[in-house]
C-alpha atoms as a PDB file:
ATOM      1  CA  MET A   1     130.101 -50.065 218.738  1.00  0.00           C
ATOM      2  CA  LYS A   2     130.129 -48.499 222.180  1.00  0.00           C
ATOM      3  CA  HIS A   3     130.860 -45.028 220.751  1.00  0.00           C
ATOM      4  CA  VAL A   4     129.722 -43.753 217.370  1.00  0.00           C
ATOM      5  CA  ALA A   5     131.515 -41.088 215.351  1.00  0.00           C
ATOM      6  CA  THR A   6     128.643 -38.584 215.393  1.00  0.00           C
ATOM      7  CA  GLY A   7     126.489 -36.800 217.938  1.00  0.00           C
ATOM      8  CA  ASP A   8     123.506 -36.844 215.554  1.00  0.00           C
ATOM      9  CA  ARG A   9     120.502 -38.141 217.494  1.00  0.00           C
ATOM     10  CA  ASN A  10     119.521 -40.148 214.384  1.00  0.00           C
ATOM     11  CA  ALA A  11     122.541 -42.467 214.571  1.00  0.00           C
ATOM     12  CA  TYR A  12     121.415 -46.102 214.316  1.00  0.00           C
ATOM     13  CA  ASP A  13     122.555 -49.702 213.816  1.00  0.00           C
ATOM     14  CA  ARG A  14     119.839 -52.108 212.676  1.00  0.00           C
ATOM     15  CA  CYS A  15     119.192 -55.493 211.093  1.00  0.00           C
ATOM     16  CA  ILE A  16     116.186 -57.030 209.369  1.00  0.00           C
ATOM     17  CA  PHE A  17     115.461 -60.693 208.594  1.00  0.00           C
ATOM     18  CA  HIS A  18     112.887 -62.049 206.127  1.00  0.00           C
ATOM     19  CA  VAL A  19     111.505 -65.574 206.323  1.00  0.00           C
ATOM     20  CA  VAL A  20     109.678 -66.351 203.072  1.00  0.00           C
ATOM     21  CA  ASP A  21     107.276 -69.230 202.437  1.00  0.00           C
ATOM     22  CA  HIS A  22     107.697 -70.380 198.815  1.00  0.00           C
ATOM     23  CA  ARG A  23     103.939 -70.878 198.458  1.00  0.00           C
ATOM     24  CA  GLY A  24     103.063 -67.422 199.751  1.00  0.00           C
ATOM     25  CA  ARG A  25     101.064 -68.649 202.726  1.00  0.00           C
ATOM     26  CA  ALA A  26     103.128 -66.662 205.233  1.00  0.00           C
ATOM     27  CA  LEU A  27     105.749 -63.925 205.471  1.00  0.00           C
ATOM     28  CA  LEU A  28     107.680 -63.298 208.683  1.00  0.00           C
ATOM     29  CA  ILE A  29     109.705 -60.088 209.031  1.00  0.00           C
ATOM     30  CA  LEU A  30     111.729 -59.281 212.117  1.00  0.00           C
ATOM     31  CA  GLY A  31     114.481 -56.923 213.156  1.00  0.00           C
ATOM     32  CA  LEU A  32     116.393 -55.248 215.957  1.00  0.00           C
ATOM     33  CA  GLY A  33     118.003 -51.808 216.197  1.00  0.00           C
ATOM     34  CA  VAL A  34     120.032 -49.665 218.574  1.00  0.00           C
ATOM     35  CA  TYR A  35     119.993 -45.864 218.691  1.00  0.00           C
ATOM     36  CA  PRO A  36     123.025 -44.931 220.796  1.00  0.00           C
ATOM     37  CA  ASN A  37     122.474 -41.160 220.961  1.00  0.00           C
ATOM     38  CA  VAL A  38     118.916 -41.452 222.285  1.00  0.00           C
ATOM     39  CA  GLY A  39     119.613 -44.495 224.488  1.00  0.00           C
ATOM     40  CA  VAL A  40     117.061 -46.850 222.928  1.00  0.00           C
ATOM     41  CA  ILE A  41     117.119 -50.480 221.798  1.00  0.00           C
ATOM     42  CA  ASP A  42     114.045 -51.962 220.126  1.00  0.00           C
ATOM     43  CA  ALA A  43     112.886 -54.942 218.084  1.00  0.00           C
ATOM     44  CA  TYR A  44     109.837 -56.147 216.193  1.00  0.00           C
ATOM     45  CA  ALA A  45     108.364 -59.157 214.417  1.00  0.00           C
ATOM     46  CA  THR A  46     105.405 -59.297 212.040  1.00  0.00           C
ATOM     47  CA  LEU A  47     103.793 -62.394 210.572  1.00  0.00           C
ATOM     48  CA  ARG A  48     101.292 -62.169 207.736  1.00  0.00           C
ATOM     49  CA  ILE A  49      98.968 -65.130 207.272  1.00  0.00           C
ATOM     50  CA  GLY A  50      96.004 -64.564 204.993  1.00  0.00           C
ATOM     51  CA  ASP A  51      94.773 -61.029 205.623  1.00  0.00           C
ATOM     52  CA  THR A  52      95.891 -60.912 209.256  1.00  0.00           C
ATOM     53  CA  LEU A  53      99.163 -59.347 210.357  1.00  0.00           C
ATOM     54  CA  HIS A  54     100.371 -60.443 213.796  1.00  0.00           C
ATOM     55  CA  ALA A  55     102.865 -58.016 215.368  1.00  0.00           C
ATOM     56  CA  VAL A  56     105.152 -58.121 218.401  1.00  0.00           C
ATOM     57  CA  ARG A  57     107.166 -55.009 219.343  1.00  0.00           C
ATOM     58  CA  ALA A  58     109.501 -54.346 222.258  1.00  0.00           C
ATOM     59  CA  SER A  59     111.625 -51.411 223.418  1.00  0.00           C
ATOM     60  CA  ASP A  60     113.920 -50.670 226.345  1.00  0.00           C
ATOM     61  CA  ALA A  61     116.823 -48.556 227.543  1.00  0.00           C
ATOM     62  CA  LEU A  62     120.034 -49.341 225.652  1.00  0.00           C
ATOM     63  CA  PRO A  63     122.344 -51.304 227.993  1.00  0.00           C
ATOM     64  CA  ASP A  64     126.075 -50.714 228.293  1.00  0.00           C
ATOM     65  CA  ASP A  65     126.697 -54.233 226.994  1.00  0.00           C
ATOM     66  CA  ARG A  66     126.053 -53.937 223.258  1.00  0.00           C
ATOM     67  CA  MET A  67     126.442 -57.683 222.716  1.00  0.00           C
ATOM     68  CA  GLY A  68     122.964 -58.351 224.094  1.00  0.00           C
ATOM     69  CA  THR A  69     120.794 -58.542 220.970  1.00  0.00           C
ATOM     70  CA  GLU A  70     117.463 -59.093 222.667  1.00  0.00           C
ATOM     71  CA  VAL A  71     114.539 -56.983 223.807  1.00  0.00           C
ATOM     72  CA  GLY A  72     111.548 -58.333 225.695  1.00  0.00           C
ATOM     73  CA  PRO A  73     110.439 -61.608 224.058  1.00  0.00           C
ATOM     74  CA  LEU A  74     112.488 -60.997 220.878  1.00  0.00           C
ATOM     75  CA  ARG A  75     116.043 -62.252 220.437  1.00  0.00           C
ATOM     76  CA  ILE A  76     118.567 -62.539 217.595  1.00  0.00           C
ATOM     77  CA  HIS A  77     121.439 -64.789 218.631  1.00  0.00           C
ATOM     78  CA  VAL A  78     124.596 -64.818 216.492  1.00  0.00           C
ATOM     79  CA  GLU A  79     125.907 -68.375 216.532  1.00  0.00           C
ATOM     80  CA  ARG A  80     128.535 -67.867 213.800  1.00  0.00           C
ATOM     81  CA  PRO A  81     129.097 -64.322 212.475  1.00  0.00           C
ATOM     82  CA  LEU A  82     127.865 -63.876 208.894  1.00  0.00           C
ATOM     83  CA  ARG A  83     126.758 -67.545 208.862  1.00  0.00           C
ATOM     84  CA  ASP A  84     124.287 -68.838 211.448  1.00  0.00           C
ATOM     85  CA  PHE A  85     121.635 -67.096 213.562  1.00  0.00           C
ATOM     86  CA  LEU A  86     118.941 -68.249 215.938  1.00  0.00           C
ATOM     87  CA  LEU A  87     115.809 -66.087 215.790  1.00  0.00           C
ATOM     88  CA  THR A  88     113.366 -66.447 218.674  1.00  0.00           C
ATOM     89  CA  CYS A  89     110.151 -64.921 219.952  1.00  0.00           C
ATOM     90  CA  ALA A  90     108.989 -66.205 223.327  1.00  0.00           C
ATOM     91  CA  ALA A  91     105.328 -67.040 223.807  1.00  0.00           C
ATOM     92  CA  ASP A  92     103.107 -64.654 225.746  1.00  0.00           C
ATOM     93  CA  PRO A  93     101.764 -66.468 228.829  1.00  0.00           C
ATOM     94  CA  ASP A  94      98.691 -64.227 228.735  1.00  0.00           C
ATOM     95  CA  ASP A  95      97.996 -65.023 225.062  1.00  0.00           C
ATOM     96  CA  PRO A  96      98.810 -68.677 224.284  1.00  0.00           C
ATOM     97  CA  ASP A  97      97.480 -68.231 220.733  1.00  0.00           C
ATOM     98  CA  GLY A  98      99.842 -65.332 220.057  1.00  0.00           C
ATOM     99  CA  LEU A  99     102.974 -65.335 217.896  1.00  0.00           C
ATOM    100  CA  SER A 100     106.077 -67.281 218.907  1.00  0.00           C
ATOM    101  CA  TYR A 101     108.876 -68.872 216.881  1.00  0.00           C
ATOM    102  CA  GLU A 102     112.321 -70.461 216.920  1.00  0.00           C
ATOM    103  CA  ILE A 103     114.136 -70.353 213.579  1.00  0.00           C
ATOM    104  CA  ALA A 104     117.653 -71.318 212.537  1.00  0.00           C
ATOM    105  CA  TRP A 105     118.658 -68.874 209.794  1.00  0.00           C
ATOM    106  CA  SER A 106     121.771 -70.005 207.873  1.00  0.00           C
ATOM    107  CA  ALA A 107     123.577 -68.120 205.103  1.00  0.00           C
ATOM    108  CA  GLU A 108     124.205 -69.932 201.819  1.00  0.00           C
ATOM    109  CA  PHE A 109     126.128 -67.122 200.093  1.00  0.00           C
ATOM    110  CA  PRO A 110     128.672 -64.514 201.189  1.00  0.00           C
ATOM    111  CA  ALA A 111     127.377 -61.151 202.385  1.00  0.00           C
ATOM    112  CA  LEU A 112     127.251 -58.514 199.645  1.00  0.00           C
ATOM    113  CA  TRP A 113     128.101 -54.852 200.177  1.00  0.00           C
ATOM    114  CA  GLU A 114     125.489 -52.469 198.835  1.00  0.00           C
ATOM    115  CA  PRO A 115     126.345 -48.984 197.535  1.00  0.00           C
ATOM    116  CA  HIS A 116     127.035 -46.224 200.066  1.00  0.00           C
ATOM    117  CA  HIS A 117     123.596 -44.672 200.639  1.00  0.00           C
ATOM    118  CA  LEU A 118     123.328 -40.874 200.917  1.00  0.00           C
ATOM    119  CA  GLN A 119     120.180 -38.771 200.978  1.00  0.00           C
ATOM    120  CA  ARG A 120     119.745 -35.041 201.473  1.00  0.00           C
ATOM    121  CA  ARG A 121     116.709 -32.860 202.005  1.00  0.00           C
ATOM    122  CA  GLY A 122     117.665 -29.424 200.772  1.00  0.00           C
ATOM    123  CA  GLY A 123     121.120 -28.728 202.199  1.00  0.00           C
ATOM    124  CA  ARG A 124     120.821 -31.156 205.096  1.00  0.00           C
ATOM    125  CA  LEU A 125     122.077 -34.738 205.254  1.00  0.00           C
ATOM    126  CA  THR A 126     119.097 -36.849 206.347  1.00  0.00           C
ATOM    127  CA  LEU A 127     120.435 -40.339 205.676  1.00  0.00           C
ATOM    128  CA  GLU A 128     123.869 -41.853 205.407  1.00  0.00           C
ATOM    129  CA  GLY A 129     124.020 -45.613 205.613  1.00  0.00           C
ATOM    130  CA  ARG A 130     126.260 -48.559 204.938  1.00  0.00           C
ATOM    131  CA  ARG A 131     124.516 -51.827 204.282  1.00  0.00           C
ATOM    132  CA  PHE A 132     125.144 -55.436 203.405  1.00  0.00           C
ATOM    133  CA  VAL A 133     122.679 -58.116 202.337  1.00  0.00           C
ATOM    134  CA  GLN A 134     122.712 -61.903 202.462  1.00  0.00           C
ATOM    135  CA  ALA A 135     120.529 -64.888 201.533  1.00  0.00           C
ATOM    136  CA  GLY A 136     120.116 -68.337 203.011  1.00  0.00           C
ATOM    137  CA  ARG A 137     117.785 -71.007 204.310  1.00  0.00           C
ATOM    138  CA  CYS A 138     115.462 -71.294 207.299  1.00  0.00           C
ATOM    139  CA  GLU A 139     114.468 -74.221 209.506  1.00  0.00           C
ATOM    140  CA  GLY A 140     112.416 -74.362 212.687  1.00  0.00           C
ATOM    141  CA  TRP A 141     108.861 -73.518 213.702  1.00  0.00           C
ATOM    142  CA  ILE A 142     106.342 -70.700 214.016  1.00  0.00           C
ATOM    143  CA  ARG A 143     103.332 -70.959 216.350  1.00  0.00           C
ATOM    144  CA  ILE A 144     100.232 -68.841 215.907  1.00  0.00           C
ATOM    145  CA  GLY A 145      96.553 -69.340 216.727  1.00  0.00           C
ATOM    146  CA  GLY A 146      97.159 -72.694 218.393  1.00  0.00           C
ATOM    147  CA  GLU A 147      98.835 -74.119 215.267  1.00  0.00           C
ATOM    148  CA  GLU A 148     102.480 -74.851 214.495  1.00  0.00           C
ATOM    149  CA  ILE A 149     104.072 -74.159 211.101  1.00  0.00           C
ATOM    150  CA  ARG A 150     107.185 -76.221 210.399  1.00  0.00           C
ATOM    151  CA  LEU A 151     109.911 -74.544 208.337  1.00  0.00           C
ATOM    152  CA  SER A 152     112.091 -76.627 206.006  1.00  0.00           C
ATOM    153  CA  ALA A 153     115.030 -75.468 203.893  1.00  0.00           C
ATOM    154  CA  ASP A 154     113.404 -76.606 200.622  1.00  0.00           C
ATOM    155  CA  GLU A 155     110.194 -74.636 201.205  1.00  0.00           C
ATOM    156  CA  TRP A 156     111.422 -71.467 202.948  1.00  0.00           C
ATOM    157  CA  THR A 157     113.985 -68.820 201.998  1.00  0.00           C
ATOM    158  CA  GLY A 158     115.743 -66.324 204.231  1.00  0.00           C
ATOM    159  CA  THR A 159     117.150 -62.916 203.382  1.00  0.00           C
ATOM    160  CA  ARG A 160     118.681 -60.395 205.728  1.00  0.00           C
ATOM    161  CA  ASP A 161     120.029 -56.860 205.762  1.00  0.00           C
ATOM    162  CA  ARG A 162     122.349 -55.074 208.189  1.00  0.00           C
ATOM    163  CA  SER A 163     122.793 -51.308 208.036  1.00  0.00           C
ATOM    164  CA  TRP A 164     124.179 -48.520 210.190  1.00  0.00           C
ATOM    165  CA  GLY A 165     124.786 -44.783 210.017  1.00  0.00           C
ATOM    166  CA  VAL A 166     122.298 -41.917 210.280  1.00  0.00           C
ATOM    167  CA  ARG A 167     118.613 -42.388 209.523  1.00  0.00           C
ATOM    168  CA  PRO A 168     115.640 -40.233 210.602  1.00  0.00           C
ATOM    169  CA  ILE A 169     113.864 -41.231 213.809  1.00  0.00           C
ATOM    170  CA  PRO A 170     110.837 -39.429 215.286  1.00  0.00           C
ATOM    171  CA  GLY A 171     111.304 -36.396 217.511  1.00  0.00           C
ATOM    172  CA  GLU A 172     113.513 -34.272 215.258  1.00  0.00           C
ATOM    173  CA  ASP A 173     112.786 -30.559 214.937  1.00  0.00           C
ATOM    174  CA  GLY A 174     110.401 -29.454 212.207  1.00  0.00           C
ATOM    175  CA  GLY A 175     113.110 -28.088 209.955  1.00  0.00           C
ATOM    176  CA  ARG A 176     113.805 -31.506 208.475  1.00  0.00           C
ATOM    177  CA  PHE A 177     110.818 -31.443 206.131  1.00  0.00           C
ATOM    178  CA  THR A 178     110.662 -27.810 205.093  1.00  0.00           C
ATOM    179  CA  ASP A 179     111.985 -28.787 201.647  1.00  0.00           C
ATOM    180  CA  PRO A 180     109.859 -31.844 200.799  1.00  0.00           C
ATOM    181  CA  ALA A 181     110.734 -34.107 197.896  1.00  0.00           C
ATOM    182  CA  ASP A 182     108.418 -34.174 194.868  1.00  0.00           C
ATOM    183  CA  GLY A 183     108.701 -37.930 194.638  1.00  0.00           C
ATOM    184  CA  PHE A 184     110.588 -41.013 195.726  1.00  0.00           C
ATOM    185  CA  HIS A 185     110.881 -44.393 193.972  1.00  0.00           C
ATOM    186  CA  TRP A 186     112.611 -47.354 195.675  1.00  0.00           C
ATOM    187  CA  ILE A 187     113.367 -51.001 194.785  1.00  0.00           C
ATOM    188  CA  TRP A 188     115.370 -53.382 196.987  1.00  0.00           C
ATOM    189  CA  ALA A 189     115.235 -56.957 195.713  1.00  0.00           C
ATOM    190  CA  PRO A 190     117.325 -59.866 197.065  1.00  0.00           C
ATOM    191  CA  ALA A 191     116.558 -63.131 195.217  1.00  0.00           C
ATOM    192  CA  ARG A 192     117.968 -66.543 196.215  1.00  0.00           C
ATOM    193  CA  PHE A 193     118.345 -69.310 193.651  1.00  0.00           C
ATOM    194  CA  GLU A 194     119.839 -72.767 194.107  1.00  0.00           C
ATOM    195  CA  ASP A 195     123.340 -71.821 192.983  1.00  0.00           C
ATOM    196  CA  ARG A 196     123.283 -68.013 192.964  1.00  0.00           C
ATOM    197  CA  PHE A 197     122.016 -64.930 194.709  1.00  0.00           C
ATOM    198  CA  VAL A 198     120.948 -61.786 192.836  1.00  0.00           C
ATOM    199  CA  MET A 199     120.608 -58.347 194.427  1.00  0.00           C
ATOM    200  CA  VAL A 200     119.078 -55.288 192.781  1.00  0.00           C
ATOM    201  CA  VAL A 201     118.722 -51.877 194.432  1.00  0.00           C
ATOM    202  CA  ILE A 202     117.343 -48.737 192.750  1.00  0.00           C
ATOM    203  CA  GLN A 203     116.428 -45.309 194.117  1.00  0.00           C
ATOM    204  CA  GLU A 204     115.099 -42.565 191.842  1.00  0.00           C
ATOM    205  CA  ASP A 205     113.888 -38.991 192.225  1.00  0.00           C
ATOM    206  CA  ALA A 206     110.626 -37.688 190.766  1.00  0.00           C
ATOM    207  CA  ASP A 207     112.169 -37.116 187.326  1.00  0.00           C
ATOM    208  CA  GLY A 208     113.781 -40.569 187.251  1.00  0.00           C
ATOM    209  CA  TYR A 209     117.259 -39.363 188.209  1.00  0.00           C
ATOM    210  CA  ARG A 210     118.932 -42.323 189.845  1.00  0.00           C
ATOM    211  CA  THR A 211     120.621 -41.704 193.196  1.00  0.00           C
ATOM    212  CA  LEU A 212     121.282 -45.352 194.092  1.00  0.00           C
ATOM    213  CA  ASN A 213     121.955 -48.128 191.623  1.00  0.00           C
ATOM    214  CA  ASP A 214     123.338 -51.657 191.749  1.00  0.00           C
ATOM    215  CA  ALA A 215     122.708 -55.128 190.316  1.00  0.00           C
ATOM    216  CA  THR A 216     125.015 -57.957 191.322  1.00  0.00           C
ATOM    217  CA  LEU A 217     125.059 -61.748 191.008  1.00  0.00           C
ATOM    218  CA  VAL A 218     126.800 -63.694 193.800  1.00  0.00           C
ATOM    219  CA  ARG A 219     128.073 -67.284 193.458  1.00  0.00           C
ATOM    220  CA  ASN A 220     130.063 -69.295 195.948  1.00  0.00           C
ATOM    221  CA  GLY A 221     133.759 -69.489 195.140  1.00  0.00           C
ATOM    222  CA  ARG A 222     133.554 -67.077 192.209  1.00  0.00           C
ATOM    223  CA  ARG A 223     133.921 -63.339 191.847  1.00  0.00           C
ATOM    224  CA  ASP A 224     130.702 -61.303 191.998  1.00  0.00           C
ATOM    225  CA  LEU A 225     129.233 -60.470 188.595  1.00  0.00           C
ATOM    226  CA  GLN A 226     127.984 -56.926 187.928  1.00  0.00           C
ATOM    227  CA  LEU A 227     124.782 -56.934 185.886  1.00  0.00           C
ATOM    228  CA  GLY A 228     124.775 -53.429 184.466  1.00  0.00           C
ATOM    229  CA  TRP A 229     122.135 -50.720 184.794  1.00  0.00           C
ATOM    230  CA  PRO A 230     118.890 -52.412 185.918  1.00  0.00           C
ATOM    231  CA  GLN A 231     115.600 -51.268 184.384  1.00  0.00           C
ATOM    232  CA  ALA A 232     112.387 -52.326 186.123  1.00  0.00           C
ATOM    233  CA  GLU A 233     109.084 -52.763 184.306  1.00  0.00           C
ATOM    234  CA  ILE A 234     106.362 -52.914 186.961  1.00  0.00           C
ATOM    235  CA  THR A 235     102.756 -53.957 186.374  1.00  0.00           C
ATOM    236  CA  TYR A 236     100.662 -52.409 189.146  1.00  0.00           C
ATOM    237  CA  ARG A 237      97.274 -53.469 190.420  1.00  0.00           C
ATOM    238  CA  SER A 238      94.717 -51.065 188.972  1.00  0.00           C
ATOM    239  CA  GLY A 239      93.929 -48.121 191.232  1.00  0.00           C
ATOM    240  CA  THR A 240      97.037 -48.652 193.367  1.00  0.00           C
ATOM    241  CA  ARG A 241     100.828 -48.628 193.367  1.00  0.00           C
ATOM    242  CA  HIS A 242     100.844 -52.244 194.512  1.00  0.00           C
ATOM    243  CA  PRO A 243     102.999 -54.352 192.119  1.00  0.00           C
ATOM    244  CA  ARG A 244     101.669 -57.638 190.718  1.00  0.00           C
ATOM    245  CA  HIS A 245     104.361 -58.642 188.238  1.00  0.00           C
ATOM    246  CA  VAL A 246     107.806 -57.185 187.630  1.00  0.00           C
ATOM    247  CA  VAL A 247     110.508 -57.706 185.016  1.00  0.00           C
ATOM    248  CA  ILE A 248     113.945 -56.253 185.710  1.00  0.00           C
ATOM    249  CA  GLN A 249     116.177 -55.982 182.656  1.00  0.00           C
ATOM    250  CA  LEU A 250     119.817 -56.823 183.418  1.00  0.00           C
ATOM    251  CA  THR A 251     122.969 -57.314 181.360  1.00  0.00           C
ATOM    252  CA  ASP A 252     125.458 -60.174 181.578  1.00  0.00           C
ATOM    253  CA  PRO A 253     128.831 -58.503 181.030  1.00  0.00           C
ATOM    254  CA  ILE A 254     130.166 -61.642 179.326  1.00  0.00           C
ATOM    255  CA  GLY A 255     129.141 -61.031 175.743  1.00  0.00           C
ATOM    256  CA  ARG A 256     126.841 -58.168 176.779  1.00  0.00           C
ATOM    257  CA  LYS A 257     123.918 -60.562 176.811  1.00  0.00           C
ATOM    258  CA  PRO A 258     120.549 -59.330 178.089  1.00  0.00           C
ATOM    259  CA  MET A 259     119.073 -61.037 181.138  1.00  0.00           C
ATOM    260  CA  GLU A 260     115.587 -60.852 182.618  1.00  0.00           C
ATOM    261  CA  LEU A 261     114.864 -61.168 186.320  1.00  0.00           C
ATOM    262  CA  GLY A 262     111.133 -61.774 186.537  1.00  0.00           C
ATOM    263  CA  LEU A 263     109.035 -61.924 189.661  1.00  0.00           C
ATOM    264  CA  GLU A 264     105.511 -62.606 190.827  1.00  0.00           C
ATOM    265  CA  VAL A 265     104.272 -61.209 194.134  1.00  0.00           C
ATOM    266  CA  LEU A 266     103.069 -63.943 196.511  1.00  0.00           C
ATOM    267  CA  THR A 267     102.049 -61.930 199.580  1.00  0.00           C
ATOM    268  CA  SER A 268     102.851 -58.511 201.008  1.00  0.00           C
ATOM    269  CA  SER A 269     103.574 -56.809 204.311  1.00  0.00           C
ATOM    270  CA  PRO A 270     103.543 -52.991 204.568  1.00  0.00           C
ATOM    271  CA  LEU A 271     106.351 -51.917 206.899  1.00  0.00           C
ATOM    272  CA  ALA A 272     104.317 -48.956 208.153  1.00  0.00           C
ATOM    273  CA  VAL A 273     101.854 -51.434 209.704  1.00  0.00           C
ATOM    274  CA  GLY A 274     103.171 -53.242 212.758  1.00  0.00           C
ATOM    275  CA  ALA A 275     106.879 -53.128 211.874  1.00  0.00           C
ATOM    276  CA  GLY A 276     107.526 -49.539 213.015  1.00  0.00           C
ATOM    277  CA  TYR A 277     108.806 -47.997 209.769  1.00  0.00           C
ATOM    278  CA  PRO A 278     107.639 -44.512 208.777  1.00  0.00           C
ATOM    279  CA  PRO A 279     104.989 -43.246 208.507  1.00  0.00           C
ATOM    280  CA  ALA A 280     103.556 -45.652 211.111  1.00  0.00           C
ATOM    281  CA  ASP A 281     101.248 -43.814 213.502  1.00  0.00           C
ATOM    282  CA  ASP A 282     101.267 -46.210 216.486  1.00  0.00           C
ATOM    283  CA  TRP A 283     105.005 -46.880 216.959  1.00  0.00           C
ATOM    284  CA  GLN A 284     108.253 -46.061 215.134  1.00  0.00           C
ATOM    285  CA  HIS A 285     111.826 -47.230 215.661  1.00  0.00           C
ATOM    286  CA  GLY A 286     114.014 -45.315 218.072  1.00  0.00           C
ATOM    287  CA  THR A 287     111.179 -43.808 220.099  1.00  0.00           C
ATOM    288  CA  TRP A 288     111.344 -43.964 223.881  1.00  0.00           C
ATOM    289  CA  ARG A 289     108.415 -45.987 225.269  1.00  0.00           C
ATOM    290  CA  GLY A 290     109.721 -46.495 228.794  1.00  0.00           C
ATOM    291  CA  LEU A 291     111.501 -49.392 230.460  1.00  0.00           C
ATOM    292  CA  GLY A 292     110.526 -52.904 229.393  1.00  0.00           C
ATOM    293  CA  TRP A 293     107.824 -51.886 226.887  1.00  0.00           C
ATOM    294  CA  THR A 294     106.206 -54.761 224.971  1.00  0.00           C
ATOM    295  CA  ASP A 295     103.216 -54.582 222.659  1.00  0.00           C
ATOM    296  CA  ARG A 296     101.337 -57.291 220.766  1.00  0.00           C
ATOM    297  CA  ARG A 297      98.511 -56.668 218.351  1.00  0.00           C
ATOM    298  CA  ARG A 298      96.775 -57.881 215.209  1.00  0.00           C
ATOM    299  CA  TYR A 299      95.964 -55.889 212.081  1.00  0.00           C
ATOM    300  CA  ASP A 300      93.326 -56.664 209.445  1.00  0.00           C
ATOM    301  CA  LEU A 301      94.885 -56.047 206.011  1.00  0.00           C
ATOM    302  CA  SER A 302      91.797 -57.026 203.989  1.00  0.00           C
ATOM    303  CA  ASP A 303      90.708 -53.376 203.722  1.00  0.00           C
ATOM    304  CA  PRO A 304      93.554 -51.119 202.512  1.00  0.00           C
ATOM    305  CA  SER A 305      91.543 -48.015 203.445  1.00  0.00           C
ATOM    306  CA  ALA A 306      91.889 -49.015 207.118  1.00  0.00           C
ATOM    307  CA  HIS A 307      95.625 -48.284 206.888  1.00  0.00           C
ATOM    308  CA  PRO A 308      95.916 -45.185 204.676  1.00  0.00           C
ATOM    309  CA  LEU A 309      99.471 -44.351 205.760  1.00  0.00           C
ATOM    310  CA  ALA A 310     100.740 -47.704 204.463  1.00  0.00           C
ATOM    311  CA  ALA A 311     100.563 -46.355 200.916  1.00  0.00           C
ATOM    312  CA  TYR A 312     103.207 -43.758 201.840  1.00  0.00           C
ATOM    313  CA  GLY A 313     105.640 -46.289 203.268  1.00  0.00           C
ATOM    314  CA  VAL A 314     107.710 -49.115 201.873  1.00  0.00           C
ATOM    315  CA  THR A 315     106.133 -52.564 201.443  1.00  0.00           C
ATOM    316  CA  ASP A 316     107.987 -55.889 201.496  1.00  0.00           C
ATOM    317  CA  HIS A 317     106.570 -58.357 198.982  1.00  0.00           C
ATOM    318  CA  ALA A 318     107.423 -62.047 199.199  1.00  0.00           C
ATOM    319  CA  ALA A 319     108.091 -63.046 195.601  1.00  0.00           C
ATOM    320  CA  ARG A 320     108.815 -65.947 193.273  1.00  0.00           C
ATOM    321  CA  PHE A 321     111.690 -65.011 190.942  1.00  0.00           C
ATOM    322  CA  THR A 322     112.807 -66.449 187.602  1.00  0.00           C
ATOM    323  CA  LEU A 323     116.224 -66.096 185.942  1.00  0.00           C
ATOM    324  CA  ASP A 324     117.780 -68.151 183.124  1.00  0.00           C
ATOM    325  CA  GLY A 325     115.197 -70.896 183.550  1.00  0.00           C
ATOM    326  CA  GLN A 326     115.733 -71.140 187.307  1.00  0.00           C
ATOM    327  CA  VAL A 327     113.105 -70.419 189.952  1.00  0.00           C
ATOM    328  CA  GLY A 328     114.073 -68.655 193.162  1.00  0.00           C
ATOM    329  CA  HIS A 329     112.472 -66.786 196.043  1.00  0.00           C
ATOM    330  CA  GLY A 330     113.097 -63.632 197.992  1.00  0.00           C
ATOM    331  CA  ILE A 331     111.838 -60.119 198.675  1.00  0.00           C
ATOM    332  CA  PHE A 332     110.730 -57.329 196.378  1.00  0.00           C
ATOM    333  CA  GLU A 333     110.765 -54.268 198.614  1.00  0.00           C
ATOM    334  CA  HIS A 334     109.102 -51.350 196.905  1.00  0.00           C
ATOM    335  CA  GLY A 335     107.972 -47.828 197.668  1.00  0.00           C
ATOM    336  CA  SER A 336     106.721 -45.214 195.208  1.00  0.00           C
ATOM    337  CA  PHE A 337     105.388 -41.921 196.548  1.00  0.00           C
ATOM    338  CA  GLY A 338     104.595 -38.657 194.834  1.00  0.00           C
ATOM    339  CA  ARG A 339     105.607 -37.917 191.262  1.00  0.00           C
ATOM    340  CA  HIS A 340     107.584 -40.451 189.268  1.00  0.00           C
ATOM    341  CA  ASP A 341     107.831 -39.513 185.605  1.00  0.00           C
ATOM    342  CA  PRO A 342     109.112 -42.886 184.281  1.00  0.00           C
ATOM    343  CA  SER A 343     106.061 -44.628 185.797  1.00  0.00           C
ATOM    344  CA  GLY A 344     103.582 -41.954 184.723  1.00  0.00           C
ATOM    345  CA  PHE A 345     102.688 -40.994 188.302  1.00  0.00           C
ATOM    346  CA  THR A 346     101.973 -37.259 188.521  1.00  0.00           C
ATOM    347  CA  GLY A 347     101.677 -36.704 192.287  1.00  0.00           C
ATOM    348  CA  PHE A 348     100.929 -38.248 195.663  1.00  0.00           C
ATOM    349  CA  GLY A 349      97.366 -39.087 194.659  1.00  0.00           C
ATOM    350  CA  SER A 350      98.310 -40.648 191.339  1.00  0.00           C
ATOM    351  CA  VAL A 351      97.812 -44.429 190.914  1.00  0.00           C
ATOM    352  CA  ALA A 352      97.925 -46.998 188.132  1.00  0.00           C
ATOM    353  CA  PRO A 353      94.995 -46.914 185.678  1.00  0.00           C
END
């Protein structure tokens, strides 16, 4: 949109794509956002292979032509709206071993509306977003370290999210956080199977009060199926809040039959490292970095203590899902900070035994 319906500096419009290797060898996350009231457009891509995270970030002045979805070497080209996209990252001539890719991302299921997302801090609205999610397949190539990874539809899954509204960006006055939350618990889990797509989203306060809730099954040519009130049972790695295995209890409304969506984490990418999500300390979305800013870097994820802020941000986990005897793949996005009574976490320093 050329004009947004608010003067709030935090107005945004952003997308994120996930490219998931079914064997957990790699996870590519990329996105692009515009921030019309601060005049910024930016994009990012992160690729995790082993314990190394390769990141490309770019930022520029927002042009008058909003149809140009590219910044620096990063581009998201819409070939058919809600269907086909071409995702590209140009190679760096000064770093031939750096990250580049060309990926055809194609939807296999209709886009699904998620619940209207509202969040307040004290009496102030800090987030209001509309969002839809979609799943599909990926084909193409990724080049890194002098090697080329070929992507095939039977070994790679794609998910994507598009959201817009008001969401905090750096530079706001200090009054925003004078009434801090005691705790925050978040699950966002799109899972693609051969003939269906399942989406679960949960947000809870410190006492377990649920402020966002949805579980839906999508099938081509059939009406979406609501799967009741999801309950997640998370097994965390000892001494952390890093999930290893998860079972989400669902309900089939036909006959009120219980269903279990199980998942195993394959690999993980903290969004506060490289991808620009809070509380990243080297770059965050919507910040002005000057004209034509591009940054490439590598992060070593083998030592979690090297990135202490990552524990206070959301992490995207590539996951293998199971449901009704079928195996699927997708993303388990999770963040748990501060107190969360249902999980037994008592504060920001509390971790799994």
